[in-house]
Amino acid sequence: MKGVVTLNMHKIIRALILTASAAVALAAQTTTTTPTVADIVAARVARLTKLLTLTTAQAASATSYFTTEVTADQTIATSLATAQTALTTAIEANSATGITAAATSIGTLNTQQAVADGTAEAAFYAILTTAQQTIYKELIAAGLQDCGPGPGGPGGGHH
């Protein structure tokens, strides 16, 4: 009986070691990196190029507009996280002044994000042909104008 117990213990220990090794190997393989601004913009422009048949010049302009937008959105997102933390702190401290200051900051940052997003969208829309604008309007109505990796989920921090 002692031999059977020892044999079973060895099997269990080997299984645990193999399972742990497999878990470590899997974790190493599934490590992902955050996409860069260039990755986010490239994915968006590639998708829009396919859907709207953008010219090379249009794609280059779109890349410029969306790079400015995504860069601004990422900076704003960082500031928004800080402002949200400040709001939570003010709430927990029952600080009316702190709540007002944090809420004002959040409002200002949301405005900045809307301006950055709207400016890029307007510039992009302006370079489209009438036929492309019609398709783009349909994409916007369906919520599909901006899909790709990014902060805040597919497509970045807005839409």
Protein backbone atom coordinates (compact mmCIF):
# COMPACT_ATOMS: atom_id res chain seq x y z
CA MET A 1 0.00 0.00 0.00
CA LYS A 2 2.85 2.37 0.84
CA GLY A 3 4.28 1.91 -2.67
CA VAL A 4 0.92 2.78 -4.24
CA VAL A 5 0.62 5.94 -2.11
CA THR A 6 4.16 6.98 -3.03
CA LEU A 7 3.49 6.29 -6.71
CA ASN A 8 0.25 8.31 -6.59
CA MET A 9 2.01 11.16 -4.77
CA HIS A 10 4.70 11.22 -7.45
CA LYS A 11 2.01 11.33 -10.15
CA ILE A 12 0.22 14.17 -8.36
CA ILE A 13 3.43 16.13 -7.89
CA ARG A 14 4.38 15.65 -11.56
CA ALA A 15 0.89 16.75 -12.63
CA LEU A 16 1.12 19.85 -10.46
CA ILE A 17 4.55 20.71 -11.85
CA LEU A 18 3.37 20.21 -15.43
CA THR A 19 0.24 22.28 -14.77
CA ALA A 20 2.29 25.08 -13.19
CA SER A 21 4.78 24.98 -16.08
CA ALA A 22 1.97 25.11 -18.62
CA ALA A 23 0.36 28.04 -16.79
CA VAL A 24 3.64 29.97 -16.77
CA ALA A 25 4.19 29.25 -20.47
CA LEU A 26 0.63 30.28 -21.31
CA ALA A 27 0.93 33.49 -19.30
CA ALA A 28 4.14 34.35 -21.14
CA GLN A 29 2.45 33.78 -24.49
CA THR A 30 -0.66 35.83 -23.73
CA THR A 31 1.15 38.93 -22.53
CA THR A 32 -0.09 41.82 -24.63
CA THR A 33 1.14 45.32 -25.10
CA THR A 34 -0.94 48.46 -25.27
CA PRO A 35 -1.29 49.65 -28.85
CA THR A 36 0.59 52.84 -29.67
CA VAL A 37 -1.02 55.96 -31.11
CA ALA A 38 0.41 54.91 -34.49
CA ASP A 39 -1.17 51.43 -34.15
CA ILE A 40 -4.56 52.87 -33.25
CA VAL A 41 -4.51 55.38 -36.09
CA ALA A 42 -3.17 52.91 -38.65
CA ALA A 43 -5.95 50.43 -37.84
CA ARG A 44 -8.60 53.12 -38.09
CA VAL A 45 -7.27 54.56 -41.35
CA ALA A 46 -6.90 51.07 -42.86
CA ARG A 47 -10.51 50.27 -41.99
CA LEU A 48 -11.79 53.59 -43.34
CA THR A 49 -9.67 53.17 -46.47
CA LYS A 50 -11.34 49.82 -47.08
CA LEU A 51 -14.86 51.04 -46.34
CA LEU A 52 -14.61 54.39 -48.14
CA THR A 53 -11.97 53.61 -50.76
CA LEU A 54 -9.77 56.46 -49.58
CA THR A 55 -7.06 57.74 -51.88
CA THR A 56 -3.46 57.74 -50.70
CA ALA A 57 -3.69 61.50 -50.12
CA GLN A 58 -6.92 61.12 -48.13
CA ALA A 59 -5.39 58.35 -46.02
CA ALA A 60 -2.33 60.51 -45.31
CA SER A 61 -4.53 63.43 -44.24
CA ALA A 62 -6.71 61.14 -42.12
CA THR A 63 -3.60 59.78 -40.44
CA SER A 64 -2.57 63.30 -39.50
CA TYR A 65 -6.02 64.30 -38.19
CA PHE A 66 -6.53 61.11 -36.20
CA THR A 67 -3.01 61.13 -34.76
CA THR A 68 -3.65 64.58 -33.33
CA GLU A 69 -7.03 63.41 -32.01
CA VAL A 70 -5.83 60.16 -30.40
CA THR A 71 -2.81 61.88 -28.83
CA ALA A 72 -5.08 64.54 -27.31
CA ASP A 73 -7.62 61.92 -26.20
CA GLN A 74 -4.94 59.89 -24.41
CA THR A 75 -3.68 62.95 -22.56
CA ILE A 76 -7.23 63.92 -21.64
CA ALA A 77 -8.01 60.37 -20.48
CA THR A 78 -5.10 60.50 -18.06
CA SER A 79 -6.30 63.84 -16.71
CA LEU A 80 -9.87 62.54 -16.47
CA ALA A 81 -8.71 59.59 -14.37
CA THR A 82 -6.96 62.02 -12.02
CA ALA A 83 -10.07 64.22 -11.83
CA GLN A 84 -12.28 61.19 -11.13
CA THR A 85 -9.96 60.20 -8.28
CA ALA A 86 -10.14 63.75 -6.93
CA LEU A 87 -13.92 63.60 -7.10
CA THR A 88 -14.01 60.33 -5.17
CA THR A 89 -11.67 61.78 -2.56
CA ALA A 90 -13.84 64.89 -2.24
CA ILE A 91 -16.99 62.80 -1.90
CA GLU A 92 -15.42 60.66 0.81
CA ALA A 93 -14.29 63.81 2.63
CA ASN A 94 -17.72 65.42 2.18
CA SER A 95 -15.92 68.42 0.65
CA ALA A 96 -18.33 70.57 -1.33
CA THR A 97 -15.44 72.70 -2.58
CA GLY A 98 -13.49 69.62 -3.68
CA ILE A 99 -16.57 68.15 -5.41
CA THR A 100 -17.15 71.40 -7.27
CA ALA A 101 -13.50 71.68 -8.32
CA ALA A 102 -13.32 68.06 -9.51
CA ALA A 103 -16.66 68.29 -11.33
CA THR A 104 -15.53 71.49 -13.04
CA SER A 105 -12.31 69.80 -14.10
CA ILE A 106 -14.21 66.78 -15.46
CA GLY A 107 -16.53 69.08 -17.41
CA THR A 108 -13.61 71.00 -18.89
CA LEU A 109 -11.81 67.79 -19.87
CA ASN A 110 -14.96 66.35 -21.47
CA THR A 111 -15.26 69.57 -23.47
CA GLN A 112 -11.63 69.30 -24.57
CA GLN A 113 -12.22 65.73 -25.68
CA ALA A 114 -15.33 66.69 -27.64
CA VAL A 115 -13.38 69.49 -29.33
CA ALA A 116 -10.47 67.18 -30.24
CA ASP A 117 -12.82 64.51 -31.56
CA GLY A 118 -15.07 66.95 -33.41
CA THR A 119 -12.14 68.78 -34.98
CA ALA A 120 -10.65 65.55 -36.34
CA GLU A 121 -14.01 64.29 -37.58
CA ALA A 122 -14.78 67.61 -39.31
CA ALA A 123 -11.37 67.73 -41.00
CA PHE A 124 -11.75 64.11 -42.15
CA TYR A 125 -15.30 64.64 -43.39
CA ALA A 126 -14.19 67.71 -45.37
CA ILE A 127 -11.69 65.68 -47.45
CA LEU A 128 -14.25 63.07 -48.47
CA THR A 129 -16.08 63.07 -51.78
CA THR A 130 -19.86 63.39 -51.71
CA ALA A 131 -20.22 59.63 -52.25
CA GLN A 132 -17.75 58.90 -49.43
CA GLN A 133 -19.58 61.34 -47.14
CA THR A 134 -22.83 59.47 -47.76
CA ILE A 135 -21.23 56.16 -46.79
CA TYR A 136 -19.50 57.75 -43.80
CA LYS A 137 -22.83 59.16 -42.57
CA GLU A 138 -24.24 55.62 -42.73
CA LEU A 139 -21.26 54.30 -40.75
CA ILE A 140 -21.76 57.01 -38.14
CA ALA A 141 -25.49 56.24 -37.88
CA ALA A 142 -24.62 52.58 -37.32
CA GLY A 143 -21.84 53.47 -34.84
CA LEU A 144 -19.24 51.84 -37.08
CA GLN A 145 -17.12 54.78 -38.20
CA ASP A 146 -14.35 54.14 -35.70
CA CYS A 147 -13.45 50.54 -34.93
CA GLY A 148 -9.99 49.45 -34.00
CA PRO A 149 -7.83 48.97 -30.92
CA GLY A 150 -7.46 51.77 -28.51
CA PRO A 151 -8.11 53.33 -25.23
CA GLY A 152 -11.61 52.91 -24.03
CA GLY A 153 -12.17 49.90 -26.13
CA PRO A 154 -12.51 49.57 -29.89
CA GLY A 155 -11.76 52.73 -31.68
CA GLY A 156 -10.33 54.80 -28.96
CA GLY A 157 -11.78 56.94 -26.24
CA HIS A 158 -14.87 58.25 -28.00
CA HIS A 159 -17.76 57.51 -30.37
